Amino acid sequence: MSVFMIGETIEDAVRREVAEETGVKVGRVMYHSNQTWPRPSTLMIGCIGFAMSEQIILDDELEDAKWFSRQEMLHNITGHRGHFMIPTKQAIAHQLIKAFLGMSSSL
């Protein structure tokens, strides 16, 4: 479970969590949205981070992590069967994928 460090910003927490769980270094981080979480007094925060490294090194917390191209994401979100399942529309992950697909690829 993720916990904020005292005095840590949302952006710093995203960078730390991604680095701890995947080994990927993240630069710019943008807050996107939030949703409630089933545990009491908790909140899920959705952010978009810009990777500064590509190598994935998993820790014990994640079972798997992979990179997907914009084309693969678009193929899957438009209802085609692909290499992974897209979360339901109510999930923050679905909204983050839609936001990513709507972003300019030149960022």
PDB file of N, CA and C in Angstrom:
ATOM      1  N   MET A   1       0.834  -1.167   0.000  1.00  0.00           N
ATOM      2  CA  MET A   1       0.000   0.000   0.000  1.00  0.00           C
ATOM      3  C   MET A   1       0.888   1.242   0.000  1.00  0.00           C
ATOM      4  N   SER A   2       0.533   2.215  -0.801  1.00  0.00           N
ATOM      5  CA  SER A   2       1.295   3.448  -0.902  1.00  0.00           C
ATOM      6  C   SER A   2       0.977   4.378   0.261  1.00  0.00           C
ATOM      7  N   VAL A   3       1.997   5.006   0.770  1.00  0.00           N
ATOM      8  CA  VAL A   3       1.834   5.956   1.862  1.00  0.00           C
ATOM      9  C   VAL A   3       2.670   7.177   1.523  1.00  0.00           C
ATOM     10  N   PHE A   4       2.085   8.367   1.718  1.00  0.00           N
ATOM     11  CA  PHE A   4       2.847   9.588   1.497  1.00  0.00           C
ATOM     12  C   PHE A   4       3.847   9.778   2.621  1.00  0.00           C
ATOM     13  N   MET A   5       5.011  10.272   2.268  1.00  0.00           N
ATOM     14  CA  MET A   5       6.010  10.635   3.259  1.00  0.00           C
ATOM     15  C   MET A   5       5.661  12.041   3.771  1.00  0.00           C
ATOM     16  N   ILE A   6       6.061  12.366   4.971  1.00  0.00           N
ATOM     17  CA  ILE A   6       5.782  13.683   5.533  1.00  0.00           C
ATOM     18  C   ILE A   6       6.418  14.740   4.633  1.00  0.00           C
ATOM     19  N   GLY A   7       5.614  15.735   4.254  1.00  0.00           N
ATOM     20  CA  GLY A   7       6.109  16.826   3.421  1.00  0.00           C
ATOM     21  C   GLY A   7       6.256  16.481   1.950  1.00  0.00           C
ATOM     22  N   GLU A   8       5.801  15.307   1.533  1.00  0.00           N
ATOM     23  CA  GLU A   8       5.955  14.865   0.143  1.00  0.00           C
ATOM     24  C   GLU A   8       4.782  15.365  -0.713  1.00  0.00           C
ATOM     25  N   THR A   9       5.081  15.903  -1.878  1.00  0.00           N
ATOM     26  CA  THR A   9       4.036  16.333  -2.796  1.00  0.00           C
ATOM     27  C   THR A   9       3.466  15.124  -3.530  1.00  0.00           C
ATOM     28  N   ILE A  10       2.318  15.299  -4.156  1.00  0.00           N
ATOM     29  CA  ILE A  10       1.739  14.226  -4.972  1.00  0.00           C
ATOM     30  C   ILE A  10       2.729  13.837  -6.063  1.00  0.00           C
ATOM     31  N   GLU A  11       3.321  14.824  -6.714  1.00  0.00           N
ATOM     32  CA  GLU A  11       4.263  14.556  -7.800  1.00  0.00           C
ATOM     33  C   GLU A  11       5.467  13.742  -7.322  1.00  0.00           C
ATOM     34  N   ASP A  12       6.016  14.125  -6.165  1.00  0.00           N
ATOM     35  CA  ASP A  12       7.159  13.380  -5.611  1.00  0.00           C
ATOM     36  C   ASP A  12       6.753  11.960  -5.228  1.00  0.00           C
ATOM     37  N   ALA A  13       5.542  11.797  -4.701  1.00  0.00           N
ATOM     38  CA  ALA A  13       5.059  10.464  -4.338  1.00  0.00           C
ATOM     39  C   ALA A  13       4.927   9.580  -5.575  1.00  0.00           C
ATOM     40  N   VAL A  14       4.427  10.145  -6.671  1.00  0.00           N
ATOM     41  CA  VAL A  14       4.320   9.381  -7.923  1.00  0.00           C
ATOM     42  C   VAL A  14       5.705   8.942  -8.381  1.00  0.00           C
ATOM     43  N   ARG A  15       6.650   9.867  -8.411  1.00  0.00           N
ATOM     44  CA  ARG A  15       8.015   9.534  -8.843  1.00  0.00           C
ATOM     45  C   ARG A  15       8.618   8.429  -7.969  1.00  0.00           C
ATOM     46  N   ARG A  16       8.443   8.553  -6.649  1.00  0.00           N
ATOM     47  CA  ARG A  16       9.001   7.573  -5.718  1.00  0.00           C
ATOM     48  C   ARG A  16       8.345   6.206  -5.895  1.00  0.00           C
ATOM     49  N   GLU A  17       7.013   6.180  -5.953  1.00  0.00           N
ATOM     50  CA  GLU A  17       6.298   4.908  -6.078  1.00  0.00           C
ATOM     51  C   GLU A  17       6.639   4.190  -7.382  1.00  0.00           C
ATOM     52  N   VAL A  18       6.657   4.930  -8.484  1.00  0.00           N
ATOM     53  CA  VAL A  18       6.981   4.299  -9.774  1.00  0.00           C
ATOM     54  C   VAL A  18       8.403   3.753  -9.747  1.00  0.00           C
ATOM     55  N   ALA A  19       9.331   4.524  -9.214  1.00  0.00           N
ATOM     56  CA  ALA A  19      10.727   4.064  -9.123  1.00  0.00           C
ATOM     57  C   ALA A  19      10.848   2.833  -8.222  1.00  0.00           C
ATOM     58  N   GLU A  20      10.160   2.848  -7.082  1.00  0.00           N
ATOM     59  CA  GLU A  20      10.234   1.710  -6.159  1.00  0.00           C
ATOM     60  C   GLU A  20       9.642   0.444  -6.771  1.00  0.00           C
ATOM     61  N   GLU A  21       8.509   0.571  -7.479  1.00  0.00           N
ATOM     62  CA  GLU A  21       7.790  -0.602  -7.961  1.00  0.00           C
ATOM     63  C   GLU A  21       8.232  -1.100  -9.329  1.00  0.00           C
ATOM     64  N   THR A  22       8.794  -0.205 -10.162  1.00  0.00           N
ATOM     65  CA  THR A  22       9.168  -0.613 -11.526  1.00  0.00           C
ATOM     66  C   THR A  22      10.597  -0.266 -11.908  1.00  0.00           C
ATOM     67  N   GLY A  23      11.255   0.560 -11.130  1.00  0.00           N
ATOM     68  CA  GLY A  23      12.597   1.001 -11.487  1.00  0.00           C
ATOM     69  C   GLY A  23      12.619   2.097 -12.543  1.00  0.00           C
ATOM     70  N   VAL A  24      11.454   2.505 -13.041  1.00  0.00           N
ATOM     71  CA  VAL A  24      11.372   3.547 -14.072  1.00  0.00           C
ATOM     72  C   VAL A  24      11.468   4.917 -13.411  1.00  0.00           C
ATOM     73  N   LYS A  25      12.332   5.761 -13.955  1.00  0.00           N
ATOM     74  CA  LYS A  25      12.465   7.134 -13.465  1.00  0.00           C
ATOM     75  C   LYS A  25      11.435   8.006 -14.181  1.00  0.00           C
ATOM     76  N   VAL A  26      10.754   8.855 -13.406  1.00  0.00           N
ATOM     77  CA  VAL A  26       9.702   9.720 -13.938  1.00  0.00           C
ATOM     78  C   VAL A  26      10.095  11.167 -13.723  1.00  0.00           C
ATOM     79  N   GLY A  27       9.890  11.984 -14.752  1.00  0.00           N
ATOM     80  CA  GLY A  27      10.156  13.418 -14.664  1.00  0.00           C
ATOM     81  C   GLY A  27       8.880  14.173 -14.348  1.00  0.00           C
ATOM     82  N   ARG A  28       8.352  14.831 -15.343  1.00  0.00           N
ATOM     83  CA  ARG A  28       7.143  15.640 -15.181  1.00  0.00           C
ATOM     84  C   ARG A  28       5.965  14.755 -14.771  1.00  0.00           C
ATOM     85  N   VAL A  29       5.185  15.228 -13.813  1.00  0.00           N
ATOM     86  CA  VAL A  29       3.992  14.526 -13.349  1.00  0.00           C
ATOM     87  C   VAL A  29       2.837  15.520 -13.348  1.00  0.00           C
ATOM     88  N   MET A  30       1.706  15.094 -13.905  1.00  0.00           N
ATOM     89  CA  MET A  30       0.501  15.930 -13.938  1.00  0.00           C
ATOM     90  C   MET A  30      -0.624  15.197 -13.211  1.00  0.00           C
ATOM     91  N   TYR A  31      -1.277  15.892 -12.282  1.00  0.00           N
ATOM     92  CA  TYR A  31      -2.457  15.350 -11.618  1.00  0.00           C
ATOM     93  C   TYR A  31      -3.567  15.256 -12.651  1.00  0.00           C
ATOM     94  N   HIS A  32      -4.313  14.155 -12.645  1.00  0.00           N
ATOM     95  CA  HIS A  32      -5.429  13.990 -13.575  1.00  0.00           C
ATOM     96  C   HIS A  32      -6.770  13.958 -12.856  1.00  0.00           C
ATOM     97  N   SER A  33      -6.940  13.050 -11.901  1.00  0.00           N
ATOM     98  CA  SER A  33      -8.232  12.882 -11.252  1.00  0.00           C
ATOM     99  C   SER A  33      -8.072  11.999 -10.028  1.00  0.00           C
ATOM    100  N   ASN A  34      -9.210  11.720  -9.369  1.00  0.00           N
ATOM    101  CA  ASN A  34      -9.177  10.823  -8.213  1.00  0.00           C
ATOM    102  C   ASN A  34     -10.468  10.037  -8.153  1.00  0.00           C
ATOM    103  N   GLN A  35     -10.454   9.004  -7.324  1.00  0.00           N
ATOM    104  CA  GLN A  35     -11.677   8.244  -7.065  1.00  0.00           C
ATOM    105  C   GLN A  35     -11.569   7.657  -5.673  1.00  0.00           C
ATOM    106  N   THR A  36     -12.717   7.338  -5.110  1.00  0.00           N
ATOM    107  CA  THR A  36     -12.708   6.746  -3.780  1.00  0.00           C
ATOM    108  C   THR A  36     -12.102   5.358  -3.845  1.00  0.00           C
ATOM    109  N   TRP A  37     -11.685   4.885  -2.717  1.00  0.00           N
ATOM    110  CA  TRP A  37     -11.052   3.580  -2.589  1.00  0.00           C
ATOM    111  C   TRP A  37     -11.852   2.809  -1.559  1.00  0.00           C
ATOM    112  N   PRO A  38     -11.965   1.495  -1.692  1.00  0.00           N
ATOM    113  CA  PRO A  38     -12.835   0.749  -0.780  1.00  0.00           C
ATOM    114  C   PRO A  38     -12.415   0.752   0.688  1.00  0.00           C
ATOM    115  N   ARG A  39     -11.205   1.080   0.982  1.00  0.00           N
ATOM    116  CA  ARG A  39     -10.772   1.130   2.390  1.00  0.00           C
ATOM    117  C   ARG A  39     -11.182   2.475   2.991  1.00  0.00           C
ATOM    118  N   PRO A  40     -11.515   2.491   4.261  1.00  0.00           N
ATOM    119  CA  PRO A  40     -11.923   3.755   4.904  1.00  0.00           C
ATOM    120  C   PRO A  40     -10.803   4.795   4.885  1.00  0.00           C
ATOM    121  N   SER A  41     -11.194   6.032   4.733  1.00  0.00           N
ATOM    122  CA  SER A  41     -10.270   7.175   4.794  1.00  0.00           C
ATOM    123  C   SER A  41      -9.135   7.082   3.791  1.00  0.00           C
ATOM    124  N   THR A  42      -9.405   6.558   2.605  1.00  0.00           N
ATOM    125  CA  THR A  42      -8.370   6.484   1.575  1.00  0.00           C
ATOM    126  C   THR A  42      -8.892   7.052   0.276  1.00  0.00           C
ATOM    127  N   LEU A  43      -7.977   7.403  -0.599  1.00  0.00           N
ATOM    128  CA  LEU A  43      -8.304   8.018  -1.871  1.00  0.00           C
ATOM    129  C   LEU A  43      -7.310   7.533  -2.915  1.00  0.00           C
ATOM    130  N   MET A  44      -7.792   7.232  -4.099  1.00  0.00           N
ATOM    131  CA  MET A  44      -6.896   6.859  -5.199  1.00  0.00           C
ATOM    132  C   MET A  44      -6.692   8.102  -6.060  1.00  0.00           C
ATOM    133  N   ILE A  45      -5.454   8.449  -6.299  1.00  0.00           N
ATOM    134  CA  ILE A  45      -5.103   9.624  -7.087  1.00  0.00           C
ATOM    135  C   ILE A  45      -4.522   9.162  -8.414  1.00  0.00           C
ATOM    136  N   GLY A  46      -5.049   9.692  -9.508  1.00  0.00           N
ATOM    137  CA  GLY A  46      -4.565   9.345 -10.842  1.00  0.00           C
ATOM    138  C   GLY A  46      -3.705  10.462 -11.403  1.00  0.00           C
ATOM    139  N   CYS A  47      -2.500  10.122 -11.809  1.00  0.00           N
ATOM    140  CA  CYS A  47      -1.577  11.095 -12.389  1.00  0.00           C
ATOM    141  C   CYS A  47      -0.999  10.544 -13.682  1.00  0.00           C
ATOM    142  N   ILE A  48      -0.530  11.436 -14.509  1.00  0.00           N
ATOM    143  CA  ILE A  48       0.179  11.060 -15.723  1.00  0.00           C
ATOM    144  C   ILE A  48       1.616  11.508 -15.550  1.00  0.00           C
ATOM    145  N   GLY A  49       2.531  10.555 -15.673  1.00  0.00           N
ATOM    146  CA  GLY A  49       3.947  10.850 -15.512  1.00  0.00           C
ATOM    147  C   GLY A  49       4.698  10.593 -16.810  1.00  0.00           C
ATOM    148  N   PHE A  50       5.737  11.338 -17.028  1.00  0.00           N
ATOM    149  CA  PHE A  50       6.539  11.203 -18.237  1.00  0.00           C
ATOM    150  C   PHE A  50       7.832  10.462 -17.893  1.00  0.00           C
ATOM    151  N   ALA A  51       7.964   9.277 -18.460  1.00  0.00           N
ATOM    152  CA  ALA A  51       9.109   8.411 -18.156  1.00  0.00           C
ATOM    153  C   ALA A  51      10.403   9.007 -18.683  1.00  0.00           C
ATOM    154  N   MET A  52      11.446   8.878 -17.873  1.00  0.00           N
ATOM    155  CA  MET A  52      12.778   9.320 -18.272  1.00  0.00           C
ATOM    156  C   MET A  52      13.706   8.135 -18.482  1.00  0.00           C
ATOM    157  N   SER A  53      13.201   6.942 -18.208  1.00  0.00           N
ATOM    158  CA  SER A  53      13.956   5.712 -18.447  1.00  0.00           C
ATOM    159  C   SER A  53      12.973   4.645 -18.922  1.00  0.00           C
ATOM    160  N   GLU A  54      13.482   3.589 -19.535  1.00  0.00           N
ATOM    161  CA  GLU A  54      12.602   2.572 -20.107  1.00  0.00           C
ATOM    162  C   GLU A  54      12.724   1.207 -19.461  1.00  0.00           C
ATOM    163  N   GLN A  55      13.851   0.910 -18.843  1.00  0.00           N
ATOM    164  CA  GLN A  55      14.046  -0.419 -18.284  1.00  0.00           C
ATOM    165  C   GLN A  55      13.139  -0.621 -17.073  1.00  0.00           C
ATOM    166  N   ILE A  56      12.417  -1.753 -17.071  1.00  0.00           N
ATOM    167  CA  ILE A  56      11.529  -2.093 -15.963  1.00  0.00           C
ATOM    168  C   ILE A  56      12.205  -3.141 -15.087  1.00  0.00           C
ATOM    169  N   ILE A  57      12.285  -2.836 -13.796  1.00  0.00           N
ATOM    170  CA  ILE A  57      12.827  -3.765 -12.804  1.00  0.00           C
ATOM    171  C   ILE A  57      11.780  -3.869 -11.702  1.00  0.00           C
ATOM    172  N   LEU A  58      11.062  -4.983 -11.664  1.00  0.00           N
ATOM    173  CA  LEU A  58       9.964  -5.139 -10.722  1.00  0.00           C
ATOM    174  C   LEU A  58      10.442  -5.393  -9.298  1.00  0.00           C
ATOM    175  N   ASP A  59       9.666  -4.869  -8.353  1.00  0.00           N
ATOM    176  CA  ASP A  59       9.894  -5.214  -6.954  1.00  0.00           C
ATOM    177  C   ASP A  59       8.868  -6.277  -6.564  1.00  0.00           C
ATOM    178  N   ASP A  60       8.696  -6.528  -5.293  1.00  0.00           N
ATOM    179  CA  ASP A  60       7.774  -7.564  -4.819  1.00  0.00           C
ATOM    180  C   ASP A  60       6.311  -7.153  -4.904  1.00  0.00           C
ATOM    181  N   GLU A  61       6.043  -5.866  -5.059  1.00  0.00           N
ATOM    182  CA  GLU A  61       4.673  -5.371  -4.988  1.00  0.00           C
ATOM    183  C   GLU A  61       3.866  -5.632  -6.266  1.00  0.00           C
ATOM    184  N   LEU A  62       4.516  -5.631  -7.412  1.00  0.00           N
ATOM    185  CA  LEU A  62       3.818  -5.842  -8.681  1.00  0.00           C
ATOM    186  C   LEU A  62       4.115  -7.218  -9.251  1.00  0.00           C
ATOM    187  N   GLU A  63       3.092  -7.790  -9.869  1.00  0.00           N
ATOM    188  CA  GLU A  63       3.271  -9.079 -10.535  1.00  0.00           C
ATOM    189  C   GLU A  63       3.904  -8.885 -11.909  1.00  0.00           C
ATOM    190  N   ASP A  64       3.536  -7.789 -12.591  1.00  0.00           N
ATOM    191  CA  ASP A  64       4.043  -7.552 -13.940  1.00  0.00           C
ATOM    192  C   ASP A  64       3.905  -6.075 -14.278  1.00  0.00           C
ATOM    193  N   ALA A  65       4.717  -5.592 -15.172  1.00  0.00           N
ATOM    194  CA  ALA A  65       4.639  -4.238 -15.710  1.00  0.00           C
ATOM    195  C   ALA A  65       5.215  -4.286 -17.118  1.00  0.00           C
ATOM    196  N   LYS A  66       4.554  -3.627 -18.048  1.00  0.00           N
ATOM    197  CA  LYS A  66       4.994  -3.634 -19.449  1.00  0.00           C
ATOM    198  C   LYS A  66       4.724  -2.277 -20.081  1.00  0.00           C
ATOM    199  N   TRP A  67       5.454  -2.010 -21.152  1.00  0.00           N
ATOM    200  CA  TRP A  67       5.214  -0.835 -21.979  1.00  0.00           C
ATOM    201  C   TRP A  67       4.275  -1.231 -23.114  1.00  0.00           C
ATOM    202  N   PHE A  68       3.351  -0.337 -23.465  1.00  0.00           N
ATOM    203  CA  PHE A  68       2.463  -0.540 -24.599  1.00  0.00           C
ATOM    204  C   PHE A  68       2.501   0.711 -25.461  1.00  0.00           C
ATOM    205  N   SER A  69       2.466   0.523 -26.759  1.00  0.00           N
ATOM    206  CA  SER A  69       2.470   1.664 -27.676  1.00  0.00           C
ATOM    207  C   SER A  69       1.090   2.321 -27.696  1.00  0.00           C
ATOM    208  N   ARG A  70       1.047   3.528 -28.185  1.00  0.00           N
ATOM    209  CA  ARG A  70      -0.215   4.242 -28.345  1.00  0.00           C
ATOM    210  C   ARG A  70      -1.164   3.439 -29.236  1.00  0.00           C
ATOM    211  N   GLN A  71      -0.628   2.833 -30.294  1.00  0.00           N
ATOM    212  CA  GLN A  71      -1.456   2.024 -31.203  1.00  0.00           C
ATOM    213  C   GLN A  71      -2.054   0.816 -30.490  1.00  0.00           C
ATOM    214  N   GLU A  72      -1.261   0.142 -29.668  1.00  0.00           N
ATOM    215  CA  GLU A  72      -1.773  -1.009 -28.915  1.00  0.00           C
ATOM    216  C   GLU A  72      -2.881  -0.577 -27.956  1.00  0.00           C
ATOM    217  N   MET A  73      -2.694   0.550 -27.300  1.00  0.00           N
ATOM    218  CA  MET A  73      -3.704   1.053 -26.371  1.00  0.00           C
ATOM    219  C   MET A  73      -4.981   1.413 -27.114  1.00  0.00           C
ATOM    220  N   LEU A  74      -4.845   2.110 -28.230  1.00  0.00           N
ATOM    221  CA  LEU A  74      -6.006   2.508 -29.024  1.00  0.00           C
ATOM    222  C   LEU A  74      -6.753   1.281 -29.532  1.00  0.00           C
ATOM    223  N   HIS A  75      -6.033   0.283 -29.994  1.00  0.00           N
ATOM    224  CA  HIS A  75      -6.629  -0.962 -30.490  1.00  0.00           C
ATOM    225  C   HIS A  75      -7.461  -1.622 -29.389  1.00  0.00           C
ATOM    226  N   ASN A  76      -6.924  -1.686 -28.186  1.00  0.00           N
ATOM    227  CA  ASN A  76      -7.615  -2.337 -27.075  1.00  0.00           C
ATOM    228  C   ASN A  76      -8.805  -1.540 -26.565  1.00  0.00           C
ATOM    229  N   ILE A  77      -8.690  -0.224 -26.497  1.00  0.00           N
ATOM    230  CA  ILE A  77      -9.769   0.584 -25.921  1.00  0.00           C
ATOM    231  C   ILE A  77     -10.951   0.712 -26.880  1.00  0.00           C
ATOM    232  N   THR A  78     -10.726   0.464 -28.159  1.00  0.00           N
ATOM    233  CA  THR A  78     -11.829   0.526 -29.123  1.00  0.00           C
ATOM    234  C   THR A  78     -12.563  -0.807 -29.242  1.00  0.00           C
ATOM    235  N   GLY A  79     -12.297  -1.721 -28.304  1.00  0.00           N
ATOM    236  CA  GLY A  79     -13.070  -2.948 -28.242  1.00  0.00           C
ATOM    237  C   GLY A  79     -12.450  -4.162 -28.899  1.00  0.00           C
ATOM    238  N   HIS A  80     -11.295  -4.032 -29.478  1.00  0.00           N
ATOM    239  CA  HIS A  80     -10.628  -5.173 -30.087  1.00  0.00           C
ATOM    240  C   HIS A  80      -9.880  -5.961 -29.020  1.00  0.00           C
ATOM    241  N   ARG A  81      -9.803  -7.229 -29.199  1.00  0.00           N
ATOM    242  CA  ARG A  81      -9.040  -8.037 -28.247  1.00  0.00           C
ATOM    243  C   ARG A  81      -7.562  -7.857 -28.528  1.00  0.00           C
ATOM    244  N   GLY A  82      -6.824  -7.632 -27.473  1.00  0.00           N
ATOM    245  CA  GLY A  82      -5.396  -7.422 -27.627  1.00  0.00           C
ATOM    246  C   GLY A  82      -4.617  -8.191 -26.586  1.00  0.00           C
ATOM    247  N   HIS A  83      -3.472  -7.660 -26.228  1.00  0.00           N
ATOM    248  CA  HIS A  83      -2.571  -8.316 -25.284  1.00  0.00           C
ATOM    249  C   HIS A  83      -2.972  -8.104 -23.822  1.00  0.00           C
ATOM    250  N   PHE A  84      -3.914  -7.228 -23.577  1.00  0.00           N
ATOM    251  CA  PHE A  84      -4.311  -6.913 -22.207  1.00  0.00           C
ATOM    252  C   PHE A  84      -5.760  -6.436 -22.205  1.00  0.00           C
ATOM    253  N   MET A  85      -6.356  -6.441 -21.031  1.00  0.00           N
ATOM    254  CA  MET A  85      -7.734  -5.977 -20.879  1.00  0.00           C
ATOM    255  C   MET A  85      -7.739  -4.525 -20.415  1.00  0.00           C
ATOM    256  N   ILE A  86      -8.630  -3.752 -20.977  1.00  0.00           N
ATOM    257  CA  ILE A  86      -8.809  -2.369 -20.558  1.00  0.00           C
ATOM    258  C   ILE A  86      -9.762  -2.364 -19.361  1.00  0.00           C
ATOM    259  N   PRO A  87      -9.442  -1.613 -18.310  1.00  0.00           N
ATOM    260  CA  PRO A  87     -10.352  -1.534 -17.157  1.00  0.00           C
ATOM    261  C   PRO A  87     -11.709  -0.937 -17.562  1.00  0.00           C
ATOM    262  N   THR A  88     -12.731  -1.182 -16.755  1.00  0.00           N
ATOM    263  CA  THR A  88     -14.064  -0.649 -17.039  1.00  0.00           C
ATOM    264  C   THR A  88     -14.041   0.874 -17.037  1.00  0.00           C
ATOM    265  N   LYS A  89     -15.041   1.471 -17.674  1.00  0.00           N
ATOM    266  CA  LYS A  89     -15.108   2.927 -17.804  1.00  0.00           C
ATOM    267  C   LYS A  89     -15.189   3.650 -16.461  1.00  0.00           C
ATOM    268  N   GLN A  90     -15.675   2.966 -15.426  1.00  0.00           N
ATOM    269  CA  GLN A  90     -15.780   3.592 -14.109  1.00  0.00           C
ATOM    270  C   GLN A  90     -14.424   3.690 -13.407  1.00  0.00           C
ATOM    271  N   ALA A  91     -13.454   2.925 -13.858  1.00  0.00           N
ATOM    272  CA  ALA A  91     -12.146   2.884 -13.197  1.00  0.00           C
ATOM    273  C   ALA A  91     -11.280   4.075 -13.603  1.00  0.00           C
ATOM    274  N   ILE A  92     -10.544   4.582 -12.652  1.00  0.00           N
ATOM    275  CA  ILE A  92      -9.632   5.693 -12.915  1.00  0.00           C
ATOM    276  C   ILE A  92      -8.587   5.293 -13.964  1.00  0.00           C
ATOM    277  N   ALA A  93      -8.191   4.033 -13.979  1.00  0.00           N
ATOM    278  CA  ALA A  93      -7.208   3.558 -14.965  1.00  0.00           C
ATOM    279  C   ALA A  93      -7.736   3.731 -16.379  1.00  0.00           C
ATOM    280  N   HIS A  94      -9.010   3.482 -16.590  1.00  0.00           N
ATOM    281  CA  HIS A  94      -9.621   3.668 -17.914  1.00  0.00           C
ATOM    282  C   HIS A  94      -9.542   5.146 -18.318  1.00  0.00           C
ATOM    283  N   GLN A  95      -9.855   6.023 -17.378  1.00  0.00           N
ATOM    284  CA  GLN A  95      -9.824   7.460 -17.660  1.00  0.00           C
ATOM    285  C   GLN A  95      -8.401   7.946 -17.947  1.00  0.00           C
ATOM    286  N   LEU A  96      -7.419   7.378 -17.266  1.00  0.00           N
ATOM    287  CA  LEU A  96      -6.020   7.745 -17.520  1.00  0.00           C
ATOM    288  C   LEU A  96      -5.587   7.281 -18.910  1.00  0.00           C
ATOM    289  N   ILE A  97      -6.033   6.110 -19.322  1.00  0.00           N
ATOM    290  CA  ILE A  97      -5.704   5.610 -20.668  1.00  0.00           C
ATOM    291  C   ILE A  97      -6.322   6.526 -21.712  1.00  0.00           C
ATOM    292  N   LYS A  98      -7.598   6.912 -21.528  1.00  0.00           N
ATOM    293  CA  LYS A  98      -8.245   7.824 -22.472  1.00  0.00           C
ATOM    294  C   LYS A  98      -7.519   9.158 -22.539  1.00  0.00           C
ATOM    295  N   ALA A  99      -7.088   9.669 -21.389  1.00  0.00           N
ATOM    296  CA  ALA A  99      -6.343  10.933 -21.366  1.00  0.00           C
ATOM    297  C   ALA A  99      -5.024  10.798 -22.127  1.00  0.00           C
ATOM    298  N   PHE A 100      -4.316   9.691 -21.900  1.00  0.00           N
ATOM    299  CA  PHE A 100      -3.062   9.440 -22.599  1.00  0.00           C
ATOM    300  C   PHE A 100      -3.285   9.406 -24.117  1.00  0.00           C
ATOM    301  N   LEU A 101      -4.331   8.737 -24.550  1.00  0.00           N
ATOM    302  CA  LEU A 101      -4.610   8.631 -25.979  1.00  0.00           C
ATOM    303  C   LEU A 101      -4.971   9.980 -26.594  1.00  0.00           C
ATOM    304  N   GLY A 102      -5.518  10.889 -25.787  1.00  0.00           N
ATOM    305  CA  GLY A 102      -5.890  12.198 -26.282  1.00  0.00           C
ATOM    306  C   GLY A 102      -4.748  13.210 -26.265  1.00  0.00           C
ATOM    307  N   MET A 103      -3.623  12.840 -25.683  1.00  0.00           N
ATOM    308  CA  MET A 103      -2.491  13.752 -25.590  1.00  0.00           C
ATOM    309  C   MET A 103      -1.707  13.784 -26.905  1.00  0.00           C
ATOM    310  N   SER A 104      -1.056  14.886 -27.132  1.00  0.00           N
ATOM    311  CA  SER A 104      -0.176  15.013 -28.282  1.00  0.00           C
ATOM    312  C   SER A 104       1.041  14.110 -28.090  1.00  0.00           C
ATOM    313  N   SER A 105       1.418  13.392 -29.116  1.00  0.00           N
ATOM    314  CA  SER A 105       2.576  12.494 -29.009  1.00  0.00           C
ATOM    315  C   SER A 105       3.894  13.255 -29.057  1.00  0.00           C
ATOM    316  N   SER A 106       3.855  14.563 -29.239  1.00  0.00           N
ATOM    317  CA  SER A 106       5.089  15.343 -29.327  1.00  0.00           C
ATOM    318  C   SER A 106       5.480  15.967 -27.982  1.00  0.00           C
ATOM    319  N   LEU A 107       4.801  15.575 -26.889  1.00  0.00           N
ATOM    320  CA  LEU A 107       5.102  16.158 -25.572  1.00  0.00           C
ATOM    321  C   LEU A 107       6.445  15.695 -25.067  1.00  0.00           C
TER     322      LEU A 107
END
